Amino acid sequence: MRGLKKKRRIQVILVAFVALVLSTGLIGYAMRDGINFFRSPSQIAETPPESTEVFRIGGLVEEGSLKRGQGETIRFNVTDGGHTVPVTYRGVLPDLFSENQGMIGTGRLVNGVFEATEILAKHDESYMPKEVVDALKDQGVYRHGEDIPASGS
C-alpha cells in the first residue's frame, strides 16, 4: 500500500511538471509577436536592428518633414534631437498627429527607412509617452512641460 501512494505521488508531480512546461511554452508562443522593444532614433543609428525585427520607435515628428504621397502613403522624419529616422506609413494618421509632437510607431527598419504598421500620437496637450521623454532627455533636448525640442542649445 505504501508503494502505491508513493508511485501515485510521483505521477501527480510528473503530470504537474509537464503541465507547467506546456503552459509556459504556450504563453511564450502566444507572446512572440506581442513583445516590441522601444528604440529611439539615436539607438537605431548606433545599432540598426535586423530588417525582420518588429520594434517601436518614438520621438518628435520633425518640423517640415511631413509629406503626403500618392494614395495613403505618408512620409515624415522622427527625431530625438540627436538623430533622425525617415518613416513611411500607409493608412490614416491619428487626429492629434502633427509636426513637433510626440509619437510612437510600430514596424520594421528596411533599408534605413522605418516602415510603420501602427502610429500612435499623444492624446492631449500635456502627454508624451515616457519612452519618448526619456529618449529626448538623453539627447538634452527635452524641456519640461513642452513638446518642442530646444533649438541649438
C-alpha atoms as a PDB file:
ATOM      1  CA  MET A   1       0.000   0.000   0.000  1.00  0.00           C
ATOM      2  CA  ARG A   2       2.804   2.376   0.877  1.00  0.00           C
ATOM      3  CA  GLY A   3       4.474   1.837  -2.516  1.00  0.00           C
ATOM      4  CA  LEU A   4       1.224   2.629  -4.321  1.00  0.00           C
ATOM      5  CA  LYS A   5       0.900   6.019  -2.577  1.00  0.00           C
ATOM      6  CA  LYS A   6       4.498   6.902  -3.408  1.00  0.00           C
ATOM      7  CA  LYS A   7       4.005   5.890  -7.043  1.00  0.00           C
ATOM      8  CA  ARG A   8       0.781   7.942  -7.283  1.00  0.00           C
ATOM      9  CA  ARG A   9       2.514  10.990  -5.747  1.00  0.00           C
ATOM     10  CA  ILE A  10       5.355  10.773  -8.290  1.00  0.00           C
ATOM     11  CA  GLN A  11       2.828  10.511 -11.139  1.00  0.00           C
ATOM     12  CA  VAL A  12       0.978  13.641  -9.907  1.00  0.00           C
ATOM     13  CA  ILE A  13       4.254  15.575  -9.640  1.00  0.00           C
ATOM     14  CA  LEU A  14       5.292  14.496 -13.153  1.00  0.00           C
ATOM     15  CA  VAL A  15       1.889  15.473 -14.614  1.00  0.00           C
ATOM     16  CA  ALA A  16       2.071  18.870 -12.859  1.00  0.00           C
ATOM     17  CA  PHE A  17       5.608  19.435 -14.173  1.00  0.00           C
ATOM     18  CA  VAL A  18       4.590  18.551 -17.755  1.00  0.00           C
ATOM     19  CA  ALA A  19       1.541  20.855 -17.483  1.00  0.00           C
ATOM     20  CA  LEU A  20       3.773  23.688 -16.221  1.00  0.00           C
ATOM     21  CA  VAL A  21       6.269  23.253 -19.071  1.00  0.00           C
ATOM     22  CA  LEU A  22       3.478  23.038 -21.645  1.00  0.00           C
ATOM     23  CA  SER A  23       1.693  26.141 -20.355  1.00  0.00           C
ATOM     24  CA  THR A  24       4.957  28.125 -20.245  1.00  0.00           C
ATOM     25  CA  GLY A  25       5.672  27.120 -23.840  1.00  0.00           C
ATOM     26  CA  LEU A  26       2.189  28.118 -24.981  1.00  0.00           C
ATOM     27  CA  ILE A  27       2.436  31.508 -23.249  1.00  0.00           C
ATOM     28  CA  GLY A  28       5.810  32.157 -24.872  1.00  0.00           C
ATOM     29  CA  TYR A  29       4.477  31.143 -28.274  1.00  0.00           C
ATOM     30  CA  ALA A  30       1.446  33.431 -27.905  1.00  0.00           C
ATOM     31  CA  MET A  31       3.573  36.407 -26.856  1.00  0.00           C
ATOM     32  CA  ARG A  32       6.262  36.087 -29.527  1.00  0.00           C
ATOM     33  CA  ASP A  33       4.634  38.761 -31.729  1.00  0.00           C
ATOM     34  CA  GLY A  34       3.304  40.849 -28.863  1.00  0.00           C
ATOM     35  CA  ILE A  35       6.621  41.945 -27.377  1.00  0.00           C
ATOM     36  CA  ASN A  36       8.013  45.001 -29.162  1.00  0.00           C
ATOM     37  CA  PHE A  37      11.080  46.750 -27.842  1.00  0.00           C
ATOM     38  CA  PHE A  38      11.266  50.555 -27.860  1.00  0.00           C
ATOM     39  CA  ARG A  39      14.160  52.297 -29.607  1.00  0.00           C
ATOM     40  CA  SER A  40      14.952  55.968 -30.048  1.00  0.00           C
ATOM     41  CA  PRO A  41      16.393  57.293 -33.341  1.00  0.00           C
ATOM     42  CA  SER A  42      19.823  57.575 -31.670  1.00  0.00           C
ATOM     43  CA  GLN A  43      19.718  53.929 -30.597  1.00  0.00           C
ATOM     44  CA  ILE A  44      18.750  52.917 -34.128  1.00  0.00           C
ATOM     45  CA  ALA A  45      21.668  54.917 -35.563  1.00  0.00           C
ATOM     46  CA  GLU A  46      24.114  53.263 -33.132  1.00  0.00           C
ATOM     47  CA  THR A  47      22.951  49.675 -33.661  1.00  0.00           C
ATOM     48  CA  PRO A  48      20.470  49.198 -36.526  1.00  0.00           C
ATOM     49  CA  PRO A  49      18.102  46.266 -35.942  1.00  0.00           C
ATOM     50  CA  GLU A  50      17.581  43.418 -38.402  1.00  0.00           C
ATOM     51  CA  SER A  51      15.003  44.112 -41.136  1.00  0.00           C
ATOM     52  CA  THR A  52      12.872  41.249 -39.772  1.00  0.00           C
ATOM     53  CA  GLU A  53      12.676  42.652 -36.225  1.00  0.00           C
ATOM     54  CA  VAL A  54       9.449  44.428 -35.285  1.00  0.00           C
ATOM     55  CA  PHE A  55      10.026  47.203 -32.742  1.00  0.00           C
ATOM     56  CA  ARG A  56       8.700  50.571 -31.579  1.00  0.00           C
ATOM     57  CA  ILE A  57      10.295  53.914 -32.421  1.00  0.00           C
ATOM     58  CA  GLY A  58       9.483  57.144 -30.674  1.00  0.00           C
ATOM     59  CA  GLY A  59      10.416  60.784 -30.784  1.00  0.00           C
ATOM     60  CA  LEU A  60       9.214  64.059 -32.219  1.00  0.00           C
ATOM     61  CA  VAL A  61       7.877  64.449 -35.749  1.00  0.00           C
ATOM     62  CA  GLU A  62      10.479  66.688 -37.393  1.00  0.00           C
ATOM     63  CA  GLU A  63       9.299  70.152 -38.476  1.00  0.00           C
ATOM     64  CA  GLY A  64       8.729  70.379 -42.250  1.00  0.00           C
ATOM     65  CA  SER A  65       9.173  66.644 -42.870  1.00  0.00           C
ATOM     66  CA  LEU A  66       5.508  65.570 -43.087  1.00  0.00           C
ATOM     67  CA  LYS A  67       4.717  64.715 -46.730  1.00  0.00           C
ATOM     68  CA  ARG A  68       1.620  63.023 -48.020  1.00  0.00           C
ATOM     69  CA  GLY A  69       2.347  60.951 -51.115  1.00  0.00           C
ATOM     70  CA  GLN A  70       0.198  59.290 -53.723  1.00  0.00           C
ATOM     71  CA  GLY A  71      -2.643  57.328 -52.181  1.00  0.00           C
ATOM     72  CA  GLU A  72      -2.418  56.640 -48.468  1.00  0.00           C
ATOM     73  CA  THR A  73       1.390  56.716 -48.079  1.00  0.00           C
ATOM     74  CA  ILE A  74       2.674  59.322 -45.648  1.00  0.00           C
ATOM     75  CA  ARG A  75       6.355  60.143 -45.144  1.00  0.00           C
ATOM     76  CA  PHE A  76       7.925  62.011 -42.253  1.00  0.00           C
ATOM     77  CA  ASN A  77      11.018  62.013 -40.062  1.00  0.00           C
ATOM     78  CA  VAL A  78      11.221  61.140 -36.363  1.00  0.00           C
ATOM     79  CA  THR A  79      13.935  62.764 -34.284  1.00  0.00           C
ATOM     80  CA  ASP A  80      15.145  62.728 -30.720  1.00  0.00           C
ATOM     81  CA  GLY A  81      17.370  65.744 -31.276  1.00  0.00           C
ATOM     82  CA  GLY A  82      20.462  63.613 -31.851  1.00  0.00           C
ATOM     83  CA  HIS A  83      19.483  61.526 -34.872  1.00  0.00           C
ATOM     84  CA  THR A  84      16.649  61.384 -37.371  1.00  0.00           C
ATOM     85  CA  VAL A  85      14.972  58.334 -38.908  1.00  0.00           C
ATOM     86  CA  PRO A  86      12.750  58.550 -42.021  1.00  0.00           C
ATOM     87  CA  VAL A  87       9.340  56.884 -41.618  1.00  0.00           C
ATOM     88  CA  THR A  88       6.737  55.708 -44.107  1.00  0.00           C
ATOM     89  CA  TYR A  89       3.197  54.797 -43.150  1.00  0.00           C
ATOM     90  CA  ARG A  90       0.225  53.581 -45.170  1.00  0.00           C
ATOM     91  CA  GLY A  91      -3.063  54.406 -43.537  1.00  0.00           C
ATOM     92  CA  VAL A  92      -4.903  57.121 -41.701  1.00  0.00           C
ATOM     93  CA  LEU A  93      -2.919  59.088 -39.133  1.00  0.00           C
ATOM     94  CA  PRO A  94      -4.387  59.829 -35.686  1.00  0.00           C
ATOM     95  CA  ASP A  95      -6.202  63.175 -35.407  1.00  0.00           C
ATOM     96  CA  LEU A  96      -3.629  64.616 -32.979  1.00  0.00           C
ATOM     97  CA  PHE A  97      -0.651  63.664 -35.165  1.00  0.00           C
ATOM     98  CA  SER A  98       1.329  66.763 -36.208  1.00  0.00           C
ATOM     99  CA  GLU A  99       4.844  68.145 -36.579  1.00  0.00           C
ATOM    100  CA  ASN A 100       6.855  68.874 -33.429  1.00  0.00           C
ATOM    101  CA  GLN A 101       4.642  66.480 -31.470  1.00  0.00           C
ATOM    102  CA  GLY A 102       5.493  63.204 -29.768  1.00  0.00           C
ATOM    103  CA  MET A 103       4.684  59.923 -31.487  1.00  0.00           C
ATOM    104  CA  ILE A 104       5.364  56.212 -31.247  1.00  0.00           C
ATOM    105  CA  GLY A 105       5.297  53.892 -34.242  1.00  0.00           C
ATOM    106  CA  THR A 106       5.427  50.108 -34.519  1.00  0.00           C
ATOM    107  CA  GLY A 107       7.081  48.500 -37.544  1.00  0.00           C
ATOM    108  CA  ARG A 108      10.391  47.439 -39.114  1.00  0.00           C
ATOM    109  CA  LEU A 109      13.530  49.199 -40.346  1.00  0.00           C
ATOM    110  CA  VAL A 110      14.036  48.316 -44.014  1.00  0.00           C
ATOM    111  CA  ASN A 111      16.975  49.855 -45.928  1.00  0.00           C
ATOM    112  CA  GLY A 112      17.278  52.693 -43.411  1.00  0.00           C
ATOM    113  CA  VAL A 113      13.570  53.612 -43.544  1.00  0.00           C
ATOM    114  CA  PHE A 114      11.188  52.721 -40.739  1.00  0.00           C
ATOM    115  CA  GLU A 115       8.078  51.141 -42.292  1.00  0.00           C
ATOM    116  CA  ALA A 116       5.356  51.719 -39.707  1.00  0.00           C
ATOM    117  CA  THR A 117       2.315  49.488 -39.394  1.00  0.00           C
ATOM    118  CA  GLU A 118       0.844  51.481 -36.491  1.00  0.00           C
ATOM    119  CA  ILE A 119       1.219  55.122 -35.416  1.00  0.00           C
ATOM    120  CA  LEU A 120       0.248  56.467 -32.011  1.00  0.00           C
ATOM    121  CA  ALA A 121       0.182  60.187 -31.262  1.00  0.00           C
ATOM    122  CA  LYS A 122      -0.044  61.998 -27.977  1.00  0.00           C
ATOM    123  CA  HIS A 123      -3.626  62.106 -26.738  1.00  0.00           C
ATOM    124  CA  ASP A 124      -3.764  65.535 -25.077  1.00  0.00           C
ATOM    125  CA  GLU A 125      -1.783  68.744 -24.818  1.00  0.00           C
ATOM    126  CA  SER A 126       0.481  67.693 -21.946  1.00  0.00           C
ATOM    127  CA  TYR A 127       1.054  63.967 -22.526  1.00  0.00           C
ATOM    128  CA  MET A 128       4.108  62.478 -24.169  1.00  0.00           C
ATOM    129  CA  PRO A 129       4.987  58.762 -23.905  1.00  0.00           C
ATOM    130  CA  LYS A 130       7.547  58.053 -21.168  1.00  0.00           C
ATOM    131  CA  GLU A 131       9.915  56.332 -23.603  1.00  0.00           C
ATOM    132  CA  VAL A 132       9.920  59.416 -25.854  1.00  0.00           C
ATOM    133  CA  VAL A 133      10.569  61.778 -22.916  1.00  0.00           C
ATOM    134  CA  ASP A 134      13.457  59.581 -21.734  1.00  0.00           C
ATOM    135  CA  ALA A 135      14.985  59.491 -25.238  1.00  0.00           C
ATOM    136  CA  LEU A 136      14.697  63.283 -25.585  1.00  0.00           C
ATOM    137  CA  LYS A 137      16.217  63.801 -22.124  1.00  0.00           C
ATOM    138  CA  ASP A 138      19.141  61.554 -23.095  1.00  0.00           C
ATOM    139  CA  GLN A 139      19.813  63.876 -26.036  1.00  0.00           C
ATOM    140  CA  GLY A 140      19.411  67.001 -23.888  1.00  0.00           C
ATOM    141  CA  VAL A 141      16.592  68.495 -25.966  1.00  0.00           C
ATOM    142  CA  TYR A 142      13.581  67.925 -23.707  1.00  0.00           C
ATOM    143  CA  ARG A 143      12.177  70.900 -21.808  1.00  0.00           C
ATOM    144  CA  HIS A 144       9.737  70.019 -19.031  1.00  0.00           C
ATOM    145  CA  GLY A 145       6.140  70.786 -19.963  1.00  0.00           C
ATOM    146  CA  GLU A 146       6.928  71.371 -23.653  1.00  0.00           C
ATOM    147  CA  ASP A 147       6.964  69.023 -26.621  1.00  0.00           C
ATOM    148  CA  ILE A 148       9.176  71.249 -28.787  1.00  0.00           C
ATOM    149  CA  PRO A 149      12.900  70.479 -28.726  1.00  0.00           C
ATOM    150  CA  ALA A 150      15.343  73.180 -27.671  1.00  0.00           C
ATOM    151  CA  SER A 151      16.950  74.798 -30.695  1.00  0.00           C
ATOM    152  CA  GLY A 152      20.717  74.528 -30.836  1.00  0.00           C
ATOM    153  CA  SER A 153      21.315  74.853 -27.092  1.00  0.00           C
END
